[in-house]
């Protein structure tokens, strides 16, 4: 069984919303060697969304970035679940409290039905943190695709 079955994929956001999110990722990555990806699906296969985010993170080989500074934003829309999963390079530098606060900020947007704003705000925040901890250097390259990944 494939981790990301291709049939019945849903696009949870309009093309304009998707454009804004991808643009936020590209803008956030401009000044850092860090990488940000966004994965969205309907239902979470696990009780804890962090476990699913971890599974996706490793299946996408996000741990293979040079500085171990990739971050996955995971959402299960129908289950109302959300998780941030950061590789060891950035997670250890920022600490657990940072990631907990970021999730709280996203949820605050979501409670106002502002999903796009919440996602873009989180991406910008993470980008600033990555920029501080892993500033862009001229030999840096975009190691991972920026597009949104849609599961089922």
N, C-alpha and C. Protein backbone atom coordinates (compact mmCIF):
# COMPACT_ATOMS: atom_id res chain seq x y z
N UNK A 1 0.84 -1.18 0.00
CA UNK A 1 0.00 0.00 0.00
C UNK A 1 0.89 1.24 0.00
N UNK A 2 0.56 2.18 -0.84
CA UNK A 2 1.34 3.42 -0.95
C UNK A 2 1.03 4.34 0.22
N UNK A 3 2.04 5.06 0.63
CA UNK A 3 1.87 6.03 1.72
C UNK A 3 0.97 7.18 1.28
N UNK A 4 1.02 7.54 0.01
CA UNK A 4 0.23 8.64 -0.53
C UNK A 4 -0.57 8.15 -1.73
N UNK A 5 -1.62 7.38 -1.51
CA UNK A 5 -2.39 6.86 -2.64
C UNK A 5 -2.86 8.00 -3.56
N UNK A 6 -2.80 7.76 -4.86
CA UNK A 6 -3.10 8.83 -5.80
C UNK A 6 -4.58 8.98 -6.11
N UNK A 7 -5.37 7.95 -5.90
CA UNK A 7 -6.79 8.10 -6.23
C UNK A 7 -7.51 8.90 -5.14
N UNK A 8 -8.54 9.57 -5.53
CA UNK A 8 -9.39 10.34 -4.63
C UNK A 8 -8.67 11.48 -3.92
N UNK A 9 -7.63 12.02 -4.50
CA UNK A 9 -6.96 13.16 -3.88
C UNK A 9 -7.90 14.35 -3.91
N UNK A 10 -7.96 15.05 -2.80
CA UNK A 10 -8.79 16.24 -2.70
C UNK A 10 -7.88 17.45 -2.63
N UNK A 11 -8.31 18.49 -3.25
CA UNK A 11 -7.61 19.76 -3.09
C UNK A 11 -8.47 20.58 -2.13
N UNK A 12 -7.91 20.86 -0.98
CA UNK A 12 -8.66 21.47 0.11
C UNK A 12 -8.69 22.99 0.02
N UNK A 13 -7.95 23.54 -0.93
CA UNK A 13 -7.84 24.99 -1.05
C UNK A 13 -8.02 25.40 -2.50
N UNK A 14 -8.49 26.61 -2.72
CA UNK A 14 -8.62 27.13 -4.08
C UNK A 14 -7.23 27.31 -4.68
N UNK A 15 -7.19 27.49 -5.97
CA UNK A 15 -5.90 27.73 -6.65
C UNK A 15 -5.24 28.99 -6.08
N UNK A 16 -6.04 30.01 -5.81
CA UNK A 16 -5.49 31.26 -5.26
C UNK A 16 -4.90 31.02 -3.86
N UNK A 17 -5.61 30.27 -3.03
CA UNK A 17 -5.09 29.95 -1.70
C UNK A 17 -3.80 29.14 -1.80
N UNK A 18 -3.78 28.17 -2.70
CA UNK A 18 -2.58 27.36 -2.90
C UNK A 18 -1.41 28.24 -3.35
N UNK A 19 -1.68 29.17 -4.26
CA UNK A 19 -0.65 30.08 -4.73
C UNK A 19 -0.07 30.87 -3.56
N UNK A 20 -0.94 31.40 -2.69
CA UNK A 20 -0.48 32.19 -1.54
C UNK A 20 0.40 31.35 -0.60
N UNK A 21 0.03 30.11 -0.40
CA UNK A 21 0.79 29.24 0.50
C UNK A 21 2.16 28.89 -0.10
N UNK A 22 2.18 28.54 -1.38
CA UNK A 22 3.45 28.22 -2.03
C UNK A 22 4.34 29.47 -2.07
N UNK A 23 3.73 30.61 -2.35
CA UNK A 23 4.47 31.87 -2.35
C UNK A 23 5.07 32.14 -0.96
N UNK A 24 4.32 31.85 0.10
CA UNK A 24 4.82 32.03 1.47
C UNK A 24 6.02 31.12 1.72
N UNK A 25 5.95 29.89 1.24
CA UNK A 25 7.08 28.96 1.38
C UNK A 25 8.30 29.49 0.65
N UNK A 26 8.11 29.91 -0.59
CA UNK A 26 9.24 30.41 -1.38
C UNK A 26 9.84 31.66 -0.75
N UNK A 27 9.01 32.55 -0.25
CA UNK A 27 9.49 33.76 0.40
C UNK A 27 10.23 33.42 1.69
N UNK A 28 9.68 32.49 2.47
CA UNK A 28 10.30 32.10 3.74
C UNK A 28 11.67 31.45 3.52
N UNK A 29 11.83 30.74 2.43
CA UNK A 29 13.08 30.03 2.16
C UNK A 29 14.15 30.90 1.50
N UNK A 30 13.79 32.12 1.09
CA UNK A 30 14.75 32.98 0.38
C UNK A 30 15.98 33.32 1.20
N UNK A 31 15.83 33.48 2.50
CA UNK A 31 16.92 33.95 3.34
C UNK A 31 17.45 32.90 4.30
N UNK A 32 17.25 31.64 3.96
CA UNK A 32 17.68 30.55 4.82
C UNK A 32 18.06 29.34 3.99
N UNK A 33 18.88 28.48 4.58
CA UNK A 33 19.15 27.19 3.94
C UNK A 33 18.09 26.18 4.33
N UNK A 34 17.20 26.56 5.25
CA UNK A 34 16.14 25.67 5.72
C UNK A 34 15.09 25.40 4.66
N UNK A 35 14.32 24.34 4.88
CA UNK A 35 13.28 23.91 3.95
C UNK A 35 11.96 23.74 4.68
N UNK A 36 10.88 24.16 4.03
CA UNK A 36 9.53 24.03 4.60
C UNK A 36 8.66 23.32 3.58
N UNK A 37 7.90 22.33 4.05
CA UNK A 37 6.93 21.64 3.19
C UNK A 37 5.58 21.61 3.90
N UNK A 38 4.51 21.54 3.10
CA UNK A 38 3.16 21.50 3.63
C UNK A 38 2.44 20.30 3.03
N UNK A 39 1.94 19.42 3.91
CA UNK A 39 1.22 18.22 3.50
C UNK A 39 -0.17 18.28 4.10
N UNK A 40 -1.20 18.06 3.27
CA UNK A 40 -2.58 18.09 3.75
C UNK A 40 -3.33 16.88 3.21
N UNK A 41 -4.16 16.30 4.09
CA UNK A 41 -5.01 15.17 3.71
C UNK A 41 -6.30 15.26 4.50
N UNK A 42 -7.26 14.40 4.19
CA UNK A 42 -8.54 14.46 4.89
C UNK A 42 -8.47 13.90 6.29
N UNK A 43 -7.97 12.70 6.40
CA UNK A 43 -7.98 12.02 7.71
C UNK A 43 -6.58 11.58 8.11
N UNK A 44 -6.35 11.63 9.41
CA UNK A 44 -5.07 11.20 9.96
C UNK A 44 -5.17 9.72 10.32
N UNK A 45 -4.21 8.95 9.86
CA UNK A 45 -4.23 7.51 10.10
C UNK A 45 -3.80 7.15 11.53
N UNK A 46 -3.37 8.12 12.30
CA UNK A 46 -2.89 7.88 13.65
C UNK A 46 -3.70 8.69 14.66
N UNK A 47 -3.65 8.28 15.91
CA UNK A 47 -4.30 9.04 16.98
C UNK A 47 -3.59 10.38 17.15
N UNK A 48 -2.28 10.35 17.10
CA UNK A 48 -1.48 11.56 17.28
C UNK A 48 -0.97 12.03 15.91
N UNK A 49 -1.33 13.26 15.54
CA UNK A 49 -0.93 13.80 14.24
C UNK A 49 0.59 13.91 14.11
N UNK A 50 1.29 14.04 15.21
CA UNK A 50 2.75 14.13 15.15
C UNK A 50 3.33 12.82 14.61
N UNK A 51 2.72 11.70 14.97
CA UNK A 51 3.19 10.41 14.45
C UNK A 51 3.03 10.33 12.94
N UNK A 52 1.90 10.82 12.44
CA UNK A 52 1.67 10.83 10.99
C UNK A 52 2.64 11.81 10.31
N UNK A 53 2.84 12.97 10.92
CA UNK A 53 3.76 13.96 10.35
C UNK A 53 5.17 13.39 10.27
N UNK A 54 5.56 12.67 11.29
CA UNK A 54 6.89 12.04 11.31
C UNK A 54 7.01 11.03 10.17
N UNK A 55 5.98 10.20 10.00
CA UNK A 55 5.99 9.21 8.93
C UNK A 55 6.12 9.88 7.56
N UNK A 56 5.37 10.94 7.34
CA UNK A 56 5.43 11.67 6.07
C UNK A 56 6.80 12.32 5.89
N UNK A 57 7.30 12.94 6.94
CA UNK A 57 8.58 13.62 6.91
C UNK A 57 9.67 12.69 6.38
N UNK A 58 9.74 11.49 6.96
CA UNK A 58 10.78 10.54 6.56
C UNK A 58 10.49 9.92 5.19
N UNK A 59 9.23 9.72 4.85
CA UNK A 59 8.91 9.15 3.53
C UNK A 59 9.25 10.15 2.42
N UNK A 60 9.20 11.44 2.73
CA UNK A 60 9.58 12.47 1.76
C UNK A 60 11.08 12.75 1.77
N UNK A 61 11.79 12.01 2.62
CA UNK A 61 13.25 12.13 2.75
C UNK A 61 13.68 13.54 3.16
N UNK A 62 12.87 14.16 3.98
CA UNK A 62 13.17 15.52 4.42
C UNK A 62 14.35 15.57 5.38
N UNK A 63 14.71 14.43 5.97
CA UNK A 63 15.86 14.39 6.88
C UNK A 63 17.18 14.41 6.10
N UNK A 64 17.11 14.40 4.79
CA UNK A 64 18.33 14.35 3.99
C UNK A 64 18.85 15.73 3.59
N UNK A 65 18.27 16.79 4.16
CA UNK A 65 18.82 18.11 3.87
C UNK A 65 20.20 18.23 4.51
N UNK A 66 21.03 19.03 3.92
CA UNK A 66 22.43 19.16 4.34
C UNK A 66 22.56 19.51 5.82
N UNK A 67 21.77 20.46 6.29
CA UNK A 67 21.88 20.93 7.67
C UNK A 67 20.82 20.36 8.62
N UNK A 68 20.04 19.39 8.12
CA UNK A 68 18.97 18.78 8.95
C UNK A 68 18.04 19.87 9.49
N UNK A 69 17.61 20.76 8.58
CA UNK A 69 16.82 21.91 8.99
C UNK A 69 15.51 22.05 8.20
N UNK A 70 14.90 20.92 7.93
CA UNK A 70 13.61 20.93 7.23
C UNK A 70 12.47 20.86 8.24
N UNK A 71 11.33 21.46 7.85
CA UNK A 71 10.14 21.49 8.70
C UNK A 71 8.94 21.09 7.86
N UNK A 72 8.12 20.20 8.41
CA UNK A 72 6.88 19.78 7.75
C UNK A 72 5.70 20.32 8.53
N UNK A 73 4.81 21.00 7.83
CA UNK A 73 3.52 21.42 8.39
C UNK A 73 2.51 20.40 7.88
N UNK A 74 1.86 19.70 8.80
CA UNK A 74 0.92 18.63 8.46
C UNK A 74 -0.49 19.00 8.92
N UNK A 75 -1.48 18.74 8.06
CA UNK A 75 -2.89 18.95 8.43
C UNK A 75 -3.75 17.79 7.93
N UNK A 76 -4.67 17.36 8.79
CA UNK A 76 -5.72 16.42 8.41
C UNK A 76 -7.03 17.19 8.56
N UNK A 77 -7.59 17.64 7.44
CA UNK A 77 -8.72 18.58 7.44
C UNK A 77 -9.97 18.02 8.12
N UNK A 78 -10.41 16.84 7.72
CA UNK A 78 -11.66 16.30 8.27
C UNK A 78 -11.54 15.95 9.74
N UNK A 79 -10.34 15.56 10.15
CA UNK A 79 -10.10 15.19 11.55
C UNK A 79 -9.70 16.38 12.42
N UNK A 80 -9.54 17.54 11.80
CA UNK A 80 -9.13 18.76 12.53
C UNK A 80 -7.85 18.51 13.32
N UNK A 81 -6.86 17.94 12.65
CA UNK A 81 -5.57 17.67 13.29
C UNK A 81 -4.47 18.43 12.58
N UNK A 82 -3.48 18.79 13.35
CA UNK A 82 -2.39 19.62 12.86
C UNK A 82 -1.12 19.24 13.60
N UNK A 83 0.00 19.29 12.91
CA UNK A 83 1.29 19.03 13.57
C UNK A 83 2.40 19.74 12.80
N UNK A 84 3.40 20.12 13.53
CA UNK A 84 4.65 20.59 12.94
C UNK A 84 5.70 19.55 13.29
N UNK A 85 6.47 19.13 12.30
CA UNK A 85 7.55 18.18 12.57
C UNK A 85 8.82 18.77 12.00
N UNK A 86 9.80 19.00 12.87
CA UNK A 86 11.05 19.63 12.47
C UNK A 86 12.20 18.65 12.63
N UNK A 87 13.13 18.70 11.69
CA UNK A 87 14.31 17.86 11.78
C UNK A 87 15.17 18.29 12.96
N UNK A 88 16.08 17.41 13.36
CA UNK A 88 16.85 17.63 14.59
C UNK A 88 17.67 18.91 14.58
N UNK A 89 18.17 19.34 13.42
CA UNK A 89 18.99 20.54 13.38
C UNK A 89 18.26 21.79 13.84
N UNK A 90 17.04 21.96 13.40
CA UNK A 90 16.27 23.16 13.77
C UNK A 90 15.46 22.92 15.05
N UNK A 91 14.95 21.73 15.24
CA UNK A 91 14.15 21.45 16.44
C UNK A 91 14.97 21.71 17.71
N UNK A 92 16.18 21.21 17.76
CA UNK A 92 17.00 21.37 18.96
C UNK A 92 17.38 22.82 19.20
N UNK A 93 17.62 23.56 18.15
CA UNK A 93 18.00 24.97 18.33
C UNK A 93 16.86 25.82 18.86
N UNK A 94 15.64 25.52 18.43
CA UNK A 94 14.49 26.34 18.85
C UNK A 94 13.80 25.80 20.10
N UNK A 95 13.86 24.52 20.32
CA UNK A 95 13.25 23.92 21.50
C UNK A 95 11.76 23.66 21.36
N UNK A 96 11.28 22.78 22.21
CA UNK A 96 9.88 22.33 22.16
C UNK A 96 8.88 23.46 22.31
N UNK A 97 9.17 24.42 23.19
CA UNK A 97 8.25 25.52 23.45
C UNK A 97 7.95 26.32 22.18
N UNK A 98 8.96 26.54 21.36
CA UNK A 98 8.75 27.29 20.10
C UNK A 98 7.70 26.60 19.24
N UNK A 99 7.84 25.30 19.07
CA UNK A 99 6.93 24.55 18.19
C UNK A 99 5.52 24.51 18.77
N UNK A 100 5.42 24.37 20.08
CA UNK A 100 4.11 24.39 20.74
C UNK A 100 3.42 25.73 20.52
N UNK A 101 4.15 26.81 20.65
CA UNK A 101 3.58 28.15 20.45
C UNK A 101 3.16 28.36 19.00
N UNK A 102 3.93 27.86 18.06
CA UNK A 102 3.56 28.00 16.65
C UNK A 102 2.24 27.28 16.36
N UNK A 103 2.08 26.09 16.91
CA UNK A 103 0.82 25.36 16.71
C UNK A 103 -0.34 26.15 17.30
N UNK A 104 -0.15 26.74 18.47
CA UNK A 104 -1.21 27.56 19.10
C UNK A 104 -1.58 28.74 18.21
N UNK A 105 -0.61 29.38 17.59
CA UNK A 105 -0.87 30.51 16.70
C UNK A 105 -1.69 30.07 15.49
N UNK A 106 -1.33 28.91 14.93
CA UNK A 106 -2.06 28.39 13.77
C UNK A 106 -3.51 28.12 14.16
N UNK A 107 -3.69 27.46 15.29
CA UNK A 107 -5.05 27.14 15.76
C UNK A 107 -5.87 28.40 15.98
N UNK A 108 -5.25 29.46 16.48
CA UNK A 108 -5.97 30.73 16.68
C UNK A 108 -6.53 31.25 15.35
N UNK A 109 -5.77 31.12 14.27
CA UNK A 109 -6.28 31.51 12.95
C UNK A 109 -7.40 30.58 12.51
N UNK A 110 -7.20 29.29 12.74
CA UNK A 110 -8.19 28.31 12.29
C UNK A 110 -9.53 28.49 13.00
N UNK A 111 -9.52 28.88 14.26
CA UNK A 111 -10.79 29.07 14.98
C UNK A 111 -11.59 30.23 14.39
N UNK A 112 -10.93 31.07 13.59
CA UNK A 112 -11.61 32.17 12.90
C UNK A 112 -11.85 31.80 11.43
N UNK A 113 -11.76 30.51 11.11
CA UNK A 113 -11.91 30.00 9.75
C UNK A 113 -10.93 30.65 8.77
N UNK A 114 -9.77 31.02 9.27
CA UNK A 114 -8.74 31.64 8.45
C UNK A 114 -7.60 30.64 8.24
N UNK A 115 -7.90 29.59 7.48
CA UNK A 115 -6.92 28.52 7.27
C UNK A 115 -5.72 29.01 6.47
N UNK A 116 -5.98 29.68 5.38
CA UNK A 116 -4.88 30.17 4.54
C UNK A 116 -4.00 31.13 5.32
N UNK A 117 -4.62 32.07 6.03
CA UNK A 117 -3.86 33.03 6.82
C UNK A 117 -3.03 32.34 7.90
N UNK A 118 -3.60 31.35 8.55
CA UNK A 118 -2.89 30.63 9.60
C UNK A 118 -1.69 29.87 9.06
N UNK A 119 -1.88 29.23 7.92
CA UNK A 119 -0.79 28.47 7.31
C UNK A 119 0.31 29.43 6.85
N UNK A 120 -0.08 30.50 6.17
CA UNK A 120 0.92 31.46 5.67
C UNK A 120 1.66 32.13 6.83
N UNK A 121 0.94 32.46 7.89
CA UNK A 121 1.57 33.08 9.06
C UNK A 121 2.59 32.13 9.68
N UNK A 122 2.22 30.87 9.83
CA UNK A 122 3.14 29.87 10.40
C UNK A 122 4.37 29.70 9.52
N UNK A 123 4.16 29.66 8.22
CA UNK A 123 5.28 29.50 7.29
C UNK A 123 6.23 30.70 7.42
N UNK A 124 5.67 31.90 7.50
CA UNK A 124 6.52 33.10 7.66
C UNK A 124 7.29 33.05 8.97
N UNK A 125 6.62 32.69 10.07
CA UNK A 125 7.29 32.58 11.37
C UNK A 125 8.43 31.56 11.33
N UNK A 126 8.14 30.41 10.78
CA UNK A 126 9.16 29.35 10.70
C UNK A 126 10.31 29.81 9.82
N UNK A 127 9.98 30.50 8.73
CA UNK A 127 11.02 31.03 7.86
C UNK A 127 11.95 32.00 8.58
N UNK A 128 11.37 32.86 9.42
CA UNK A 128 12.18 33.81 10.19
C UNK A 128 13.08 33.08 11.18
N UNK A 129 12.54 32.06 11.82
CA UNK A 129 13.34 31.27 12.77
C UNK A 129 14.46 30.53 12.04
N UNK A 130 14.15 29.97 10.88
CA UNK A 130 15.17 29.29 10.09
C UNK A 130 16.24 30.28 9.62
N UNK A 131 15.80 31.47 9.23
CA UNK A 131 16.74 32.49 8.78
C UNK A 131 17.73 32.86 9.89
N UNK A 132 17.21 32.97 11.11
CA UNK A 132 18.08 33.32 12.25
C UNK A 132 19.08 32.20 12.53
N UNK A 133 18.59 30.96 12.53
CA UNK A 133 19.44 29.83 12.90
C UNK A 133 20.27 29.28 11.74
N UNK A 134 19.75 29.39 10.53
CA UNK A 134 20.42 28.86 9.34
C UNK A 134 20.34 29.90 8.22
N UNK A 135 21.08 31.00 8.34
CA UNK A 135 21.00 32.05 7.31
C UNK A 135 21.45 31.54 5.94
N UNK A 136 20.88 32.16 4.93
CA UNK A 136 21.22 31.82 3.54
C UNK A 136 22.69 32.13 3.26
N UNK A 137 23.32 31.22 2.58
CA UNK A 137 24.69 31.43 2.10
C UNK A 137 24.68 31.21 0.60
N UNK A 138 25.58 31.85 -0.11
CA UNK A 138 25.50 31.85 -1.58
C UNK A 138 25.53 30.47 -2.21
N UNK A 139 26.09 29.48 -1.54
CA UNK A 139 26.11 28.14 -2.14
C UNK A 139 24.85 27.32 -1.80
N UNK A 140 23.94 27.89 -1.00
CA UNK A 140 22.71 27.17 -0.66
C UNK A 140 21.82 27.00 -1.89
N UNK A 141 21.12 25.88 -1.92
CA UNK A 141 20.17 25.63 -3.00
C UNK A 141 18.88 25.11 -2.40
N UNK A 142 17.81 25.23 -3.15
CA UNK A 142 16.52 24.72 -2.72
C UNK A 142 16.57 23.20 -2.83
N UNK A 143 16.62 22.53 -1.67
CA UNK A 143 16.81 21.08 -1.67
C UNK A 143 15.52 20.29 -1.82
N UNK A 144 14.37 20.92 -1.50
CA UNK A 144 13.09 20.21 -1.57
C UNK A 144 12.07 21.03 -2.33
N UNK A 145 11.14 20.39 -3.03
CA UNK A 145 10.10 21.13 -3.76
C UNK A 145 9.25 21.98 -2.82
N UNK A 146 8.69 23.06 -3.35
CA UNK A 146 7.90 24.00 -2.54
C UNK A 146 6.39 23.76 -2.62
N UNK A 147 5.95 22.96 -3.57
CA UNK A 147 4.50 22.81 -3.77
C UNK A 147 3.85 22.09 -2.59
N UNK A 148 2.55 22.30 -2.45
CA UNK A 148 1.75 21.63 -1.43
C UNK A 148 1.58 20.18 -1.85
N UNK A 149 1.64 19.28 -0.87
CA UNK A 149 1.44 17.86 -1.16
C UNK A 149 0.05 17.49 -0.64
N UNK A 150 -0.78 16.97 -1.52
CA UNK A 150 -2.13 16.57 -1.15
C UNK A 150 -2.22 15.06 -1.03
N UNK A 151 -2.65 14.59 0.15
CA UNK A 151 -2.94 13.18 0.33
C UNK A 151 -4.41 12.97 0.03
N UNK A 152 -4.99 11.95 0.58
CA UNK A 152 -6.43 11.68 0.37
C UNK A 152 -7.29 12.42 1.36
